[in-house]
């Protein structure tokens, strides 16, 4: 395992940096979406009880698009699939990851009810992104962009 990490260190570092930047995009857009009166006509029916499902999914979509653009430019080389198929697989995995991020965030919200530096909503969102990101790297590396 350590040899695999060593061999792919540059790629792993790029993945982590781009993932972190994508997470920032996701968290910032999430925060914007949950601000009172920020998007009243679209998100006014949401509430904290269900971990803001529309805001969470919309912010995840922003992070996914940002991540895809930077990942194909800086992290992964084209693998065995055509660009269209790669994009389709990337989006399918991302949709699954988006749902997983919401499920993990919602689950964590049941446990983490305190605010510490950030609100519990933001803490849960950050933890959910981190947990799902590990799975994302493995699947992208092995199945989507594998040569």
N, C-alpha and C. Protein backbone atom coordinates (compact mmCIF):
# COMPACT_ATOMS: atom_id res chain seq x y z
N UNK A 1 0.82 -1.19 0.00
CA UNK A 1 0.00 0.00 0.00
C UNK A 1 0.86 1.25 0.00
N UNK A 2 1.93 1.26 0.80
CA UNK A 2 2.78 2.45 0.87
C UNK A 2 3.50 2.70 -0.45
N UNK A 3 3.86 1.62 -1.16
CA UNK A 3 4.50 1.78 -2.47
C UNK A 3 3.53 2.41 -3.47
N UNK A 4 2.27 2.01 -3.41
CA UNK A 4 1.26 2.58 -4.29
C UNK A 4 1.08 4.06 -4.00
N UNK A 5 1.07 4.43 -2.75
CA UNK A 5 0.96 5.84 -2.37
C UNK A 5 2.18 6.60 -2.86
N UNK A 6 3.37 6.04 -2.65
CA UNK A 6 4.60 6.68 -3.08
C UNK A 6 4.62 6.87 -4.60
N UNK A 7 4.22 5.86 -5.33
CA UNK A 7 4.22 5.89 -6.80
C UNK A 7 3.23 6.94 -7.33
N UNK A 8 2.15 7.14 -6.63
CA UNK A 8 1.10 8.05 -7.07
C UNK A 8 1.04 9.34 -6.25
N UNK A 9 2.13 9.67 -5.59
CA UNK A 9 2.12 10.80 -4.64
C UNK A 9 1.71 12.11 -5.30
N UNK A 10 2.27 12.43 -6.47
CA UNK A 10 1.92 13.69 -7.14
C UNK A 10 0.42 13.72 -7.45
N UNK A 11 -0.09 12.60 -7.94
CA UNK A 11 -1.50 12.53 -8.28
C UNK A 11 -2.37 12.65 -7.02
N UNK A 12 -1.96 12.00 -5.96
CA UNK A 12 -2.72 12.06 -4.70
C UNK A 12 -2.73 13.48 -4.15
N UNK A 13 -1.58 14.14 -4.20
CA UNK A 13 -1.49 15.53 -3.71
C UNK A 13 -2.39 16.43 -4.55
N UNK A 14 -2.34 16.28 -5.88
CA UNK A 14 -3.20 17.08 -6.76
C UNK A 14 -4.67 16.79 -6.48
N UNK A 15 -5.01 15.51 -6.27
CA UNK A 15 -6.39 15.13 -5.96
C UNK A 15 -6.85 15.78 -4.66
N UNK A 16 -5.99 15.76 -3.65
CA UNK A 16 -6.34 16.35 -2.35
C UNK A 16 -6.52 17.86 -2.47
N UNK A 17 -5.62 18.53 -3.17
CA UNK A 17 -5.72 19.99 -3.33
C UNK A 17 -6.99 20.35 -4.10
N UNK A 18 -7.21 19.67 -5.21
CA UNK A 18 -8.41 19.95 -6.02
C UNK A 18 -9.67 19.57 -5.25
N UNK A 19 -9.60 18.47 -4.52
CA UNK A 19 -10.73 18.08 -3.68
C UNK A 19 -11.01 19.13 -2.61
N UNK A 20 -9.94 19.66 -2.01
CA UNK A 20 -10.11 20.70 -0.98
C UNK A 20 -10.73 21.96 -1.59
N UNK A 21 -10.24 22.35 -2.76
CA UNK A 21 -10.80 23.52 -3.43
C UNK A 21 -12.27 23.28 -3.80
N UNK A 22 -12.57 22.08 -4.25
CA UNK A 22 -13.95 21.73 -4.60
C UNK A 22 -14.83 21.74 -3.34
N UNK A 23 -14.28 21.27 -2.24
CA UNK A 23 -15.01 21.28 -0.97
C UNK A 23 -15.29 22.72 -0.53
N UNK A 24 -14.32 23.60 -0.73
CA UNK A 24 -14.54 25.02 -0.40
C UNK A 24 -15.68 25.57 -1.25
N UNK A 25 -15.65 25.28 -2.56
CA UNK A 25 -16.74 25.72 -3.43
C UNK A 25 -18.07 25.17 -2.92
N UNK A 26 -18.09 23.88 -2.55
CA UNK A 26 -19.32 23.25 -2.07
C UNK A 26 -19.80 23.86 -0.76
N UNK A 27 -18.89 24.06 0.18
CA UNK A 27 -19.28 24.60 1.49
C UNK A 27 -19.72 26.05 1.37
N UNK A 28 -19.00 26.85 0.59
CA UNK A 28 -19.37 28.27 0.42
C UNK A 28 -20.73 28.39 -0.26
N UNK A 29 -20.96 27.60 -1.33
CA UNK A 29 -22.26 27.68 -1.98
C UNK A 29 -23.36 27.15 -1.06
N UNK A 30 -23.06 26.12 -0.27
CA UNK A 30 -24.03 25.62 0.71
C UNK A 30 -24.39 26.72 1.70
N UNK A 31 -23.38 27.40 2.21
CA UNK A 31 -23.62 28.47 3.18
C UNK A 31 -24.45 29.58 2.54
N UNK A 32 -24.14 29.92 1.29
CA UNK A 32 -24.93 30.94 0.60
C UNK A 32 -26.39 30.49 0.43
N UNK A 33 -26.57 29.22 0.07
CA UNK A 33 -27.93 28.73 -0.14
C UNK A 33 -28.76 28.67 1.14
N UNK A 34 -28.11 28.45 2.29
CA UNK A 34 -28.90 28.34 3.53
C UNK A 34 -29.04 29.67 4.27
N UNK A 35 -28.42 30.72 3.76
CA UNK A 35 -28.61 32.03 4.39
C UNK A 35 -30.08 32.44 4.28
N UNK A 36 -30.61 32.97 5.37
CA UNK A 36 -32.01 33.43 5.29
C UNK A 36 -32.14 34.50 4.21
N UNK A 37 -33.15 34.38 3.42
CA UNK A 37 -33.47 35.34 2.36
C UNK A 37 -32.44 35.42 1.24
N UNK A 38 -31.50 34.48 1.18
CA UNK A 38 -30.51 34.50 0.11
C UNK A 38 -31.15 34.12 -1.22
N UNK A 39 -31.91 33.06 -1.23
CA UNK A 39 -32.62 32.60 -2.42
C UNK A 39 -34.05 32.26 -2.02
N UNK A 40 -34.82 33.27 -1.60
CA UNK A 40 -36.13 32.97 -1.01
C UNK A 40 -37.11 32.26 -1.94
N UNK A 41 -37.09 32.57 -3.22
CA UNK A 41 -38.09 31.95 -4.09
C UNK A 41 -37.77 30.49 -4.39
N UNK A 42 -36.52 30.09 -4.31
CA UNK A 42 -36.13 28.73 -4.64
C UNK A 42 -36.04 27.85 -3.40
N UNK A 43 -35.44 28.35 -2.34
CA UNK A 43 -35.12 27.52 -1.18
C UNK A 43 -35.94 27.86 0.07
N UNK A 44 -37.00 28.63 -0.08
CA UNK A 44 -37.73 29.11 1.10
C UNK A 44 -38.40 28.00 1.90
N UNK A 45 -38.71 26.87 1.27
CA UNK A 45 -39.40 25.78 1.97
C UNK A 45 -38.45 24.89 2.75
N UNK A 46 -37.15 25.06 2.57
CA UNK A 46 -36.19 24.20 3.26
C UNK A 46 -36.10 24.57 4.73
N UNK A 47 -35.70 23.58 5.52
CA UNK A 47 -35.44 23.86 6.92
C UNK A 47 -34.32 22.96 7.41
N UNK A 48 -33.83 23.31 8.56
CA UNK A 48 -32.70 22.62 9.17
C UNK A 48 -33.02 21.17 9.55
N UNK A 49 -34.28 20.85 9.71
CA UNK A 49 -34.66 19.52 10.20
C UNK A 49 -34.20 18.39 9.28
N UNK A 50 -34.12 18.64 8.00
CA UNK A 50 -33.72 17.61 7.05
C UNK A 50 -32.39 17.93 6.40
N UNK A 51 -31.58 18.71 7.07
CA UNK A 51 -30.23 19.08 6.60
C UNK A 51 -30.28 19.73 5.22
N UNK A 52 -31.25 20.60 5.01
CA UNK A 52 -31.34 21.42 3.80
C UNK A 52 -31.13 20.61 2.53
N UNK A 53 -32.02 19.69 2.19
CA UNK A 53 -31.75 18.78 1.06
C UNK A 53 -31.49 19.47 -0.28
N UNK A 54 -32.25 20.48 -0.65
CA UNK A 54 -32.04 21.14 -1.94
C UNK A 54 -30.74 21.93 -1.92
N UNK A 55 -30.49 22.66 -0.85
CA UNK A 55 -29.25 23.43 -0.73
C UNK A 55 -28.04 22.51 -0.74
N UNK A 56 -28.15 21.40 -0.05
CA UNK A 56 -27.04 20.45 0.01
C UNK A 56 -26.76 19.86 -1.37
N UNK A 57 -27.81 19.45 -2.08
CA UNK A 57 -27.62 18.87 -3.41
C UNK A 57 -27.14 19.91 -4.42
N UNK A 58 -27.67 21.12 -4.36
CA UNK A 58 -27.25 22.17 -5.29
C UNK A 58 -25.79 22.55 -5.05
N UNK A 59 -25.39 22.64 -3.80
CA UNK A 59 -23.99 22.98 -3.51
C UNK A 59 -23.07 21.84 -3.92
N UNK A 60 -23.53 20.60 -3.76
CA UNK A 60 -22.73 19.46 -4.21
C UNK A 60 -22.54 19.51 -5.73
N UNK A 61 -23.58 19.86 -6.46
CA UNK A 61 -23.48 19.97 -7.92
C UNK A 61 -22.44 21.01 -8.31
N UNK A 62 -22.39 22.13 -7.61
CA UNK A 62 -21.38 23.16 -7.88
C UNK A 62 -19.97 22.60 -7.65
N UNK A 63 -19.79 21.91 -6.54
CA UNK A 63 -18.49 21.32 -6.22
C UNK A 63 -18.09 20.24 -7.22
N UNK A 64 -19.04 19.44 -7.68
CA UNK A 64 -18.76 18.37 -8.64
C UNK A 64 -18.29 18.93 -9.98
N UNK A 65 -18.99 19.92 -10.48
CA UNK A 65 -18.60 20.51 -11.76
C UNK A 65 -17.21 21.12 -11.67
N UNK A 66 -16.95 21.85 -10.60
CA UNK A 66 -15.63 22.45 -10.37
C UNK A 66 -14.56 21.35 -10.31
N UNK A 67 -14.87 20.27 -9.59
CA UNK A 67 -13.94 19.16 -9.44
C UNK A 67 -13.65 18.47 -10.76
N UNK A 68 -14.66 18.25 -11.57
CA UNK A 68 -14.46 17.58 -12.85
C UNK A 68 -13.52 18.38 -13.75
N UNK A 69 -13.77 19.66 -13.84
CA UNK A 69 -12.95 20.51 -14.71
C UNK A 69 -11.49 20.47 -14.29
N UNK A 70 -11.24 20.60 -13.00
CA UNK A 70 -9.85 20.60 -12.52
C UNK A 70 -9.24 19.19 -12.53
N UNK A 71 -10.04 18.17 -12.26
CA UNK A 71 -9.52 16.79 -12.25
C UNK A 71 -9.01 16.36 -13.61
N UNK A 72 -9.77 16.67 -14.67
CA UNK A 72 -9.32 16.24 -15.99
C UNK A 72 -8.13 17.06 -16.47
N UNK A 73 -7.98 18.25 -15.90
CA UNK A 73 -6.85 19.09 -16.30
C UNK A 73 -5.58 18.77 -15.52
N UNK A 74 -5.70 18.48 -14.22
CA UNK A 74 -4.51 18.37 -13.37
C UNK A 74 -4.27 17.02 -12.68
N UNK A 75 -5.28 16.16 -12.59
CA UNK A 75 -5.11 14.94 -11.79
C UNK A 75 -5.02 13.69 -12.65
N UNK A 76 -6.06 13.42 -13.39
CA UNK A 76 -6.15 12.16 -14.10
C UNK A 76 -5.89 12.35 -15.60
N UNK A 77 -5.22 11.38 -16.17
CA UNK A 77 -5.07 11.33 -17.62
C UNK A 77 -6.22 10.49 -18.16
N UNK A 78 -6.51 10.70 -19.44
CA UNK A 78 -7.59 9.91 -20.02
C UNK A 78 -7.25 8.44 -19.93
N UNK A 79 -8.21 7.65 -19.52
CA UNK A 79 -8.00 6.21 -19.36
C UNK A 79 -8.50 5.44 -20.56
N UNK A 80 -9.06 4.29 -20.28
CA UNK A 80 -9.48 3.38 -21.33
C UNK A 80 -10.82 3.76 -21.97
N UNK A 81 -11.51 4.75 -21.43
CA UNK A 81 -12.82 5.13 -21.92
C UNK A 81 -12.73 6.39 -22.78
N UNK A 82 -13.72 6.58 -23.66
CA UNK A 82 -13.81 7.82 -24.43
C UNK A 82 -14.14 8.96 -23.46
N UNK A 83 -13.92 10.20 -23.90
CA UNK A 83 -14.22 11.36 -23.06
C UNK A 83 -15.69 11.38 -22.64
N UNK A 84 -16.57 11.05 -23.58
CA UNK A 84 -18.01 11.04 -23.26
C UNK A 84 -18.34 10.01 -22.19
N UNK A 85 -17.76 8.83 -22.34
CA UNK A 85 -18.02 7.76 -21.37
C UNK A 85 -17.40 8.12 -20.02
N UNK A 86 -16.20 8.69 -20.04
CA UNK A 86 -15.55 9.14 -18.81
C UNK A 86 -16.43 10.15 -18.08
N UNK A 87 -16.91 11.13 -18.84
CA UNK A 87 -17.76 12.17 -18.25
C UNK A 87 -19.03 11.54 -17.66
N UNK A 88 -19.63 10.62 -18.38
CA UNK A 88 -20.84 9.94 -17.91
C UNK A 88 -20.56 9.18 -16.62
N UNK A 89 -19.47 8.42 -16.58
CA UNK A 89 -19.10 7.69 -15.37
C UNK A 89 -18.80 8.65 -14.21
N UNK A 90 -18.09 9.74 -14.52
CA UNK A 90 -17.74 10.73 -13.51
C UNK A 90 -19.01 11.32 -12.91
N UNK A 91 -19.96 11.68 -13.76
CA UNK A 91 -21.21 12.27 -13.28
C UNK A 91 -22.02 11.23 -12.50
N UNK A 92 -22.08 10.00 -12.98
CA UNK A 92 -22.81 8.95 -12.26
C UNK A 92 -22.22 8.74 -10.86
N UNK A 93 -20.89 8.64 -10.79
CA UNK A 93 -20.24 8.50 -9.49
C UNK A 93 -20.50 9.73 -8.63
N UNK A 94 -20.44 10.88 -9.25
CA UNK A 94 -20.67 12.12 -8.50
C UNK A 94 -22.10 12.22 -7.98
N UNK A 95 -23.07 11.77 -8.76
CA UNK A 95 -24.46 11.77 -8.28
C UNK A 95 -24.61 10.83 -7.09
N UNK A 96 -24.00 9.64 -7.21
CA UNK A 96 -24.00 8.71 -6.08
C UNK A 96 -23.31 9.36 -4.87
N UNK A 97 -22.17 10.00 -5.10
CA UNK A 97 -21.43 10.65 -4.02
C UNK A 97 -22.22 11.80 -3.42
N UNK A 98 -22.95 12.52 -4.26
CA UNK A 98 -23.77 13.63 -3.78
C UNK A 98 -24.83 13.11 -2.81
N UNK A 99 -25.47 12.02 -3.18
CA UNK A 99 -26.48 11.42 -2.31
C UNK A 99 -25.83 10.90 -1.03
N UNK A 100 -24.67 10.27 -1.18
CA UNK A 100 -23.95 9.77 0.00
C UNK A 100 -23.53 10.92 0.92
N UNK A 101 -23.09 12.03 0.33
CA UNK A 101 -22.70 13.20 1.14
C UNK A 101 -23.90 13.71 1.93
N UNK A 102 -25.07 13.75 1.28
CA UNK A 102 -26.26 14.20 1.98
C UNK A 102 -26.63 13.21 3.09
N UNK A 103 -26.59 11.91 2.79
CA UNK A 103 -26.96 10.88 3.78
C UNK A 103 -26.00 10.93 4.97
N UNK A 104 -24.69 11.01 4.67
CA UNK A 104 -23.70 11.07 5.75
C UNK A 104 -23.87 12.37 6.55
N UNK A 105 -24.07 13.50 5.83
CA UNK A 105 -24.28 14.78 6.52
C UNK A 105 -25.52 14.76 7.39
N UNK A 106 -26.62 14.21 6.85
CA UNK A 106 -27.87 14.09 7.62
C UNK A 106 -27.65 13.21 8.85
N UNK A 107 -26.94 12.10 8.68
CA UNK A 107 -26.66 11.18 9.80
C UNK A 107 -25.80 11.86 10.86
N UNK A 108 -24.77 12.56 10.41
CA UNK A 108 -23.90 13.26 11.36
C UNK A 108 -24.66 14.37 12.09
N UNK A 109 -25.61 14.99 11.40
CA UNK A 109 -26.40 16.07 12.00
C UNK A 109 -27.22 15.55 13.18
N UNK A 110 -27.56 14.26 13.17
CA UNK A 110 -28.30 13.67 14.28
C UNK A 110 -27.40 13.51 15.51
N UNK A 111 -26.08 13.44 15.26
CA UNK A 111 -25.11 13.23 16.34
C UNK A 111 -24.48 14.55 16.78
N UNK A 112 -24.08 15.34 15.80
CA UNK A 112 -23.37 16.61 16.08
C UNK A 112 -24.40 17.73 16.13
N UNK A 113 -24.71 18.16 17.31
CA UNK A 113 -25.72 19.20 17.48
C UNK A 113 -25.14 20.48 18.07
N UNK A 114 -23.85 20.52 18.24
CA UNK A 114 -23.21 21.67 18.86
C UNK A 114 -22.47 22.49 17.79
N UNK A 115 -22.27 23.75 18.09
CA UNK A 115 -21.48 24.62 17.21
C UNK A 115 -20.09 24.76 17.83
N UNK A 116 -19.08 24.62 17.00
CA UNK A 116 -17.70 24.79 17.45
C UNK A 116 -16.93 25.44 16.30
N UNK A 117 -16.57 26.67 16.44
CA UNK A 117 -15.95 27.51 15.43
C UNK A 117 -16.94 27.74 14.27
N UNK A 118 -17.44 26.66 13.68
CA UNK A 118 -18.45 26.75 12.62
C UNK A 118 -19.76 26.20 13.16
N UNK A 119 -20.84 26.45 12.43
CA UNK A 119 -22.13 25.88 12.83
C UNK A 119 -22.09 24.36 12.64
N UNK A 120 -22.96 23.67 13.34
CA UNK A 120 -23.00 22.21 13.22
C UNK A 120 -23.34 21.79 11.78
N UNK A 121 -24.11 22.60 11.06
CA UNK A 121 -24.42 22.30 9.65
C UNK A 121 -23.15 22.25 8.81
N UNK A 122 -22.29 23.23 9.00
CA UNK A 122 -21.04 23.31 8.23
C UNK A 122 -20.08 22.21 8.66
N UNK A 123 -20.00 21.94 9.95
CA UNK A 123 -19.14 20.85 10.45
C UNK A 123 -19.57 19.52 9.83
N UNK A 124 -20.87 19.25 9.82
CA UNK A 124 -21.38 18.00 9.25
C UNK A 124 -21.11 17.93 7.75
N UNK A 125 -21.26 19.03 7.05
CA UNK A 125 -21.01 19.07 5.61
C UNK A 125 -19.54 18.78 5.32
N UNK A 126 -18.63 19.39 6.06
CA UNK A 126 -17.19 19.19 5.86
C UNK A 126 -16.82 17.73 6.14
N UNK A 127 -17.30 17.18 7.24
CA UNK A 127 -17.00 15.78 7.57
C UNK A 127 -17.56 14.82 6.51
N UNK A 128 -18.77 15.09 6.05
CA UNK A 128 -19.38 14.23 5.02
C UNK A 128 -18.57 14.27 3.73
N UNK A 129 -18.12 15.45 3.33
CA UNK A 129 -17.31 15.59 2.11
C UNK A 129 -16.02 14.79 2.27
N UNK A 130 -15.37 14.89 3.42
CA UNK A 130 -14.12 14.17 3.66
C UNK A 130 -14.29 12.66 3.58
N UNK A 131 -15.33 12.16 4.19
CA UNK A 131 -15.58 10.71 4.20
C UNK A 131 -15.84 10.19 2.78
N UNK A 132 -16.67 10.88 2.04
CA UNK A 132 -17.04 10.44 0.70
C UNK A 132 -15.87 10.63 -0.28
N UNK A 133 -15.00 11.59 -0.03
CA UNK A 133 -13.86 11.85 -0.92
C UNK A 133 -12.89 10.68 -1.02
N UNK A 134 -12.68 9.98 0.06
CA UNK A 134 -11.77 8.82 0.04
C UNK A 134 -12.30 7.76 -0.93
N UNK A 135 -13.58 7.47 -0.83
CA UNK A 135 -14.21 6.52 -1.75
C UNK A 135 -14.11 7.02 -3.20
N UNK A 136 -14.33 8.30 -3.41
CA UNK A 136 -14.25 8.89 -4.75
C UNK A 136 -12.90 8.66 -5.40
N UNK A 137 -11.82 8.91 -4.67
CA UNK A 137 -10.49 8.76 -5.26
C UNK A 137 -10.27 7.32 -5.71
N UNK A 138 -10.62 6.40 -4.86
CA UNK A 138 -10.40 4.98 -5.18
C UNK A 138 -11.18 4.58 -6.43
N UNK A 139 -12.44 4.95 -6.49
CA UNK A 139 -13.26 4.56 -7.64
C UNK A 139 -12.80 5.26 -8.91
N UNK A 140 -12.49 6.55 -8.82
CA UNK A 140 -12.02 7.28 -10.01
C UNK A 140 -10.71 6.69 -10.52
N UNK A 141 -9.81 6.41 -9.63
CA UNK A 141 -8.49 5.88 -10.00
C UNK A 141 -8.61 4.48 -10.61
N UNK A 142 -9.40 3.63 -9.99
CA UNK A 142 -9.47 2.22 -10.42
C UNK A 142 -10.39 1.98 -11.61
N UNK A 143 -11.51 2.73 -11.70
CA UNK A 143 -12.52 2.38 -12.69
C UNK A 143 -12.76 3.42 -13.79
N UNK A 144 -12.63 4.69 -13.46
CA UNK A 144 -12.97 5.71 -14.46
C UNK A 144 -11.76 6.13 -15.28
N UNK A 145 -10.66 6.47 -14.62
CA UNK A 145 -9.49 6.99 -15.33
C UNK A 145 -8.35 5.98 -15.40
N UNK A 146 -8.63 4.73 -15.14
CA UNK A 146 -7.60 3.69 -15.16
C UNK A 146 -7.17 3.39 -16.60
N UNK A 147 -5.87 3.32 -16.82
CA UNK A 147 -5.36 3.03 -18.17
C UNK A 147 -5.37 1.54 -18.43
